[in-house]
């Protein structure tokens, strides 16, 4: 007589085999392939690339603010202001 654990293992093995060969598994595999192909055409970025660019943007914005303050200080020292300099 089989032990309960053996019966469970046999059942699990048979179910795995059935699911592996079932149409549902084929549909799942095909859907994953189709979605992967569709996403690759969308020119998406990875989360890591997005986070890297976000950090670059934060540093760039901080640097821009520093430079704007320095320009304002230099303009004040020269006695001119933003209104006396030519516009872009």
N, C-alpha and C. Protein backbone atom coordinates (compact mmCIF):
# COMPACT_ATOMS: atom_id res chain seq x y z
N UNK A 1 0.84 -1.18 0.00
CA UNK A 1 0.00 0.00 0.00
C UNK A 1 0.89 1.25 0.00
N UNK A 2 0.50 2.21 -0.80
CA UNK A 2 1.28 3.44 -0.91
C UNK A 2 1.05 4.32 0.31
N UNK A 3 2.09 5.03 0.65
CA UNK A 3 2.00 5.99 1.73
C UNK A 3 1.24 7.22 1.22
N UNK A 4 0.60 7.98 2.12
CA UNK A 4 -0.12 9.20 1.69
C UNK A 4 0.79 10.18 0.95
N UNK A 5 2.02 10.26 1.39
CA UNK A 5 2.96 11.17 0.75
C UNK A 5 3.25 10.73 -0.68
N UNK A 6 3.36 9.42 -0.91
CA UNK A 6 3.60 8.89 -2.25
C UNK A 6 2.41 9.17 -3.17
N UNK A 7 1.21 9.01 -2.63
CA UNK A 7 0.00 9.28 -3.42
C UNK A 7 -0.03 10.75 -3.83
N UNK A 8 0.29 11.61 -2.88
CA UNK A 8 0.30 13.04 -3.17
C UNK A 8 1.35 13.36 -4.23
N UNK A 9 2.55 12.80 -4.11
CA UNK A 9 3.61 13.04 -5.08
C UNK A 9 3.23 12.54 -6.47
N UNK A 10 2.60 11.36 -6.53
CA UNK A 10 2.13 10.83 -7.81
C UNK A 10 1.08 11.75 -8.43
N UNK A 11 0.15 12.18 -7.61
CA UNK A 11 -0.90 13.08 -8.09
C UNK A 11 -0.30 14.38 -8.61
N UNK A 12 0.63 14.93 -7.85
CA UNK A 12 1.28 16.18 -8.24
C UNK A 12 2.04 16.01 -9.56
N UNK A 13 2.73 14.91 -9.71
CA UNK A 13 3.48 14.66 -10.95
C UNK A 13 2.54 14.53 -12.14
N UNK A 14 1.43 13.82 -11.95
CA UNK A 14 0.47 13.65 -13.05
C UNK A 14 -0.20 14.98 -13.41
N UNK A 15 -0.53 15.78 -12.42
CA UNK A 15 -1.14 17.09 -12.69
C UNK A 15 -0.16 18.01 -13.41
N UNK A 16 1.08 17.98 -12.99
CA UNK A 16 2.09 18.80 -13.65
C UNK A 16 2.24 18.40 -15.11
N UNK A 17 2.23 17.10 -15.36
CA UNK A 17 2.34 16.60 -16.73
C UNK A 17 1.13 17.01 -17.56
N UNK A 18 -0.06 16.92 -16.96
CA UNK A 18 -1.27 17.33 -17.68
C UNK A 18 -1.25 18.82 -18.01
N UNK A 19 -0.87 19.63 -17.02
CA UNK A 19 -0.84 21.08 -17.23
C UNK A 19 0.24 21.47 -18.24
N UNK A 20 1.35 20.76 -18.21
CA UNK A 20 2.44 21.08 -19.13
C UNK A 20 2.01 20.85 -20.57
N UNK A 21 1.20 19.84 -20.79
CA UNK A 21 0.76 19.50 -22.15
C UNK A 21 -0.63 20.04 -22.49
N UNK A 22 -1.22 20.81 -21.60
CA UNK A 22 -2.59 21.27 -21.83
C UNK A 22 -2.62 22.47 -22.77
N UNK A 23 -3.76 22.69 -23.40
CA UNK A 23 -3.91 23.86 -24.27
C UNK A 23 -3.75 25.17 -23.49
N UNK A 24 -4.13 25.17 -22.22
CA UNK A 24 -4.00 26.38 -21.42
C UNK A 24 -2.53 26.81 -21.33
N UNK A 25 -1.65 25.86 -21.17
CA UNK A 25 -0.22 26.17 -21.10
C UNK A 25 0.28 26.73 -22.43
N UNK A 26 -0.21 26.17 -23.54
CA UNK A 26 0.16 26.69 -24.86
C UNK A 26 -0.34 28.11 -25.04
N UNK A 27 -1.57 28.36 -24.62
CA UNK A 27 -2.14 29.70 -24.73
C UNK A 27 -1.31 30.68 -23.90
N UNK A 28 -0.97 30.28 -22.68
CA UNK A 28 -0.16 31.15 -21.82
C UNK A 28 1.19 31.44 -22.47
N UNK A 29 1.83 30.42 -23.00
CA UNK A 29 3.13 30.59 -23.65
C UNK A 29 3.01 31.54 -24.85
N UNK A 30 1.97 31.34 -25.67
CA UNK A 30 1.77 32.19 -26.84
C UNK A 30 1.47 33.63 -26.45
N UNK A 31 0.67 33.82 -25.41
CA UNK A 31 0.36 35.18 -24.95
C UNK A 31 1.61 35.89 -24.46
N UNK A 32 2.44 35.18 -23.70
CA UNK A 32 3.68 35.78 -23.20
C UNK A 32 4.58 36.19 -24.36
N UNK A 33 4.69 35.33 -25.36
CA UNK A 33 5.52 35.64 -26.52
C UNK A 33 4.96 36.85 -27.27
N UNK A 34 3.65 36.88 -27.44
CA UNK A 34 3.02 37.98 -28.16
C UNK A 34 3.19 39.30 -27.40
N UNK A 35 3.00 39.27 -26.08
CA UNK A 35 3.17 40.48 -25.28
C UNK A 35 4.62 40.96 -25.29
N UNK A 36 5.55 40.03 -25.17
CA UNK A 36 6.97 40.41 -25.21
C UNK A 36 7.32 41.07 -26.53
N UNK A 37 6.81 40.52 -27.61
CA UNK A 37 7.08 41.08 -28.93
C UNK A 37 6.44 42.47 -29.05
N UNK A 38 5.23 42.62 -28.55
CA UNK A 38 4.56 43.92 -28.59
C UNK A 38 5.29 44.96 -27.77
N UNK A 39 5.73 44.59 -26.57
CA UNK A 39 6.44 45.53 -25.72
C UNK A 39 7.77 45.93 -26.33
N UNK A 40 8.44 45.01 -27.00
CA UNK A 40 9.73 45.35 -27.60
C UNK A 40 9.57 46.38 -28.72
N UNK A 41 8.42 46.42 -29.36
CA UNK A 41 8.17 47.39 -30.43
C UNK A 41 7.82 48.77 -29.89
N UNK A 42 7.49 48.88 -28.60
CA UNK A 42 7.03 50.14 -28.04
C UNK A 42 8.16 51.07 -27.61
N UNK A 43 9.40 50.64 -27.73
CA UNK A 43 10.55 51.46 -27.35
C UNK A 43 10.45 51.90 -25.89
N UNK A 44 10.18 50.95 -25.01
CA UNK A 44 10.07 51.21 -23.59
C UNK A 44 11.45 51.16 -22.94
N UNK A 45 11.58 51.83 -21.80
CA UNK A 45 12.82 51.77 -21.04
C UNK A 45 12.59 50.91 -19.81
N UNK A 46 13.68 50.37 -19.29
CA UNK A 46 13.57 49.57 -18.08
C UNK A 46 13.45 50.49 -16.88
N UNK A 47 13.04 49.94 -15.77
CA UNK A 47 12.92 50.72 -14.54
C UNK A 47 14.28 51.26 -14.13
N UNK A 48 15.32 50.45 -14.31
CA UNK A 48 16.68 50.87 -13.96
C UNK A 48 17.11 52.07 -14.80
N UNK A 49 16.84 52.03 -16.11
CA UNK A 49 17.18 53.15 -16.98
C UNK A 49 16.40 54.40 -16.59
N UNK A 50 15.13 54.23 -16.24
CA UNK A 50 14.30 55.36 -15.83
C UNK A 50 14.84 55.99 -14.55
N UNK A 51 15.18 55.15 -13.56
CA UNK A 51 15.71 55.65 -12.30
C UNK A 51 17.04 56.38 -12.50
N UNK A 52 17.88 55.85 -13.38
CA UNK A 52 19.16 56.50 -13.67
C UNK A 52 18.94 57.88 -14.27
N UNK A 53 18.04 57.98 -15.23
CA UNK A 53 17.76 59.27 -15.86
C UNK A 53 17.12 60.25 -14.88
N UNK A 54 16.31 59.74 -13.96
CA UNK A 54 15.71 60.60 -12.94
C UNK A 54 16.79 61.20 -12.06
N UNK A 55 17.78 60.39 -11.67
CA UNK A 55 18.88 60.90 -10.85
C UNK A 55 19.70 61.94 -11.62
N UNK A 56 19.94 61.70 -12.89
CA UNK A 56 20.67 62.66 -13.72
C UNK A 56 19.90 63.97 -13.79
N UNK A 57 18.60 63.89 -13.96
CA UNK A 57 17.77 65.09 -14.04
C UNK A 57 17.79 65.87 -12.73
N UNK A 58 17.74 65.19 -11.60
CA UNK A 58 17.78 65.86 -10.30
C UNK A 58 19.10 66.61 -10.14
N UNK A 59 20.22 65.94 -10.48
CA UNK A 59 21.53 66.60 -10.38
C UNK A 59 21.62 67.78 -11.34
N UNK A 60 21.10 67.64 -12.53
CA UNK A 60 21.15 68.71 -13.53
C UNK A 60 20.33 69.91 -13.07
N UNK A 61 19.16 69.65 -12.51
CA UNK A 61 18.33 70.75 -12.02
C UNK A 61 19.01 71.48 -10.87
N UNK A 62 19.64 70.75 -9.96
CA UNK A 62 20.34 71.38 -8.84
C UNK A 62 21.49 72.24 -9.37
N UNK A 63 22.22 71.73 -10.34
CA UNK A 63 23.33 72.49 -10.93
C UNK A 63 22.82 73.74 -11.64
N UNK A 64 21.71 73.63 -12.34
CA UNK A 64 21.12 74.79 -13.01
C UNK A 64 20.73 75.86 -12.01
N UNK A 65 20.14 75.46 -10.90
CA UNK A 65 19.75 76.43 -9.88
C UNK A 65 20.96 77.13 -9.28
N UNK A 66 22.06 76.37 -9.04
CA UNK A 66 23.30 76.98 -8.55
C UNK A 66 23.83 78.01 -9.54
N UNK A 67 23.85 77.65 -10.81
CA UNK A 67 24.37 78.56 -11.83
C UNK A 67 23.49 79.79 -11.98
N UNK A 68 22.18 79.64 -11.87
CA UNK A 68 21.29 80.79 -11.94
C UNK A 68 21.56 81.75 -10.79
N UNK A 69 21.83 81.21 -9.60
CA UNK A 69 22.15 82.07 -8.45
C UNK A 69 23.47 82.79 -8.67
N UNK A 70 24.47 82.09 -9.20
CA UNK A 70 25.76 82.72 -9.46
C UNK A 70 25.64 83.83 -10.50
N UNK A 71 24.87 83.60 -11.54
CA UNK A 71 24.67 84.63 -12.56
C UNK A 71 23.98 85.85 -11.94
N UNK A 72 22.98 85.61 -11.12
CA UNK A 72 22.29 86.73 -10.47
C UNK A 72 23.24 87.51 -9.58
N UNK A 73 24.12 86.81 -8.84
CA UNK A 73 25.09 87.50 -7.99
C UNK A 73 26.08 88.31 -8.82
N UNK A 74 26.56 87.75 -9.91
CA UNK A 74 27.50 88.46 -10.77
C UNK A 74 26.85 89.67 -11.42
N UNK A 75 25.60 89.53 -11.83
CA UNK A 75 24.89 90.67 -12.42
C UNK A 75 24.71 91.77 -11.39
N UNK A 76 24.44 91.38 -10.14
CA UNK A 76 24.27 92.38 -9.08
C UNK A 76 25.59 93.10 -8.81
N UNK A 77 26.71 92.37 -8.83
CA UNK A 77 28.02 92.99 -8.61
C UNK A 77 28.37 93.97 -9.72
N UNK A 78 27.99 93.64 -10.94
CA UNK A 78 28.31 94.50 -12.08
C UNK A 78 27.36 95.69 -12.16
N UNK A 79 26.35 95.70 -11.36
CA UNK A 79 25.42 96.81 -11.36
C UNK A 79 24.32 96.67 -12.38
N UNK A 80 24.42 95.69 -13.18
CA UNK A 80 23.38 95.45 -14.17
C UNK A 80 22.37 94.47 -13.60
N UNK A 81 21.36 94.27 -14.33
CA UNK A 81 20.36 93.31 -13.91
C UNK A 81 19.95 92.49 -15.09
N UNK A 82 19.05 91.61 -14.87
CA UNK A 82 18.57 90.80 -15.99
C UNK A 82 17.95 91.65 -17.09
N UNK A 83 17.39 92.82 -16.71
CA UNK A 83 16.74 93.65 -17.72
C UNK A 83 17.74 94.36 -18.61
N UNK A 84 18.98 94.58 -18.13
CA UNK A 84 19.96 95.29 -18.95
C UNK A 84 20.72 94.37 -19.90
N UNK A 85 20.60 93.05 -19.73
CA UNK A 85 21.27 92.12 -20.63
C UNK A 85 20.35 91.77 -21.79
N UNK A 86 20.93 91.48 -22.96
CA UNK A 86 20.09 91.14 -24.11
C UNK A 86 19.33 89.83 -23.88
N UNK A 87 18.15 89.78 -24.43
CA UNK A 87 17.32 88.59 -24.31
C UNK A 87 17.76 87.55 -25.32
N UNK A 88 17.44 86.27 -25.06
CA UNK A 88 17.80 85.17 -25.97
C UNK A 88 17.20 85.39 -27.30
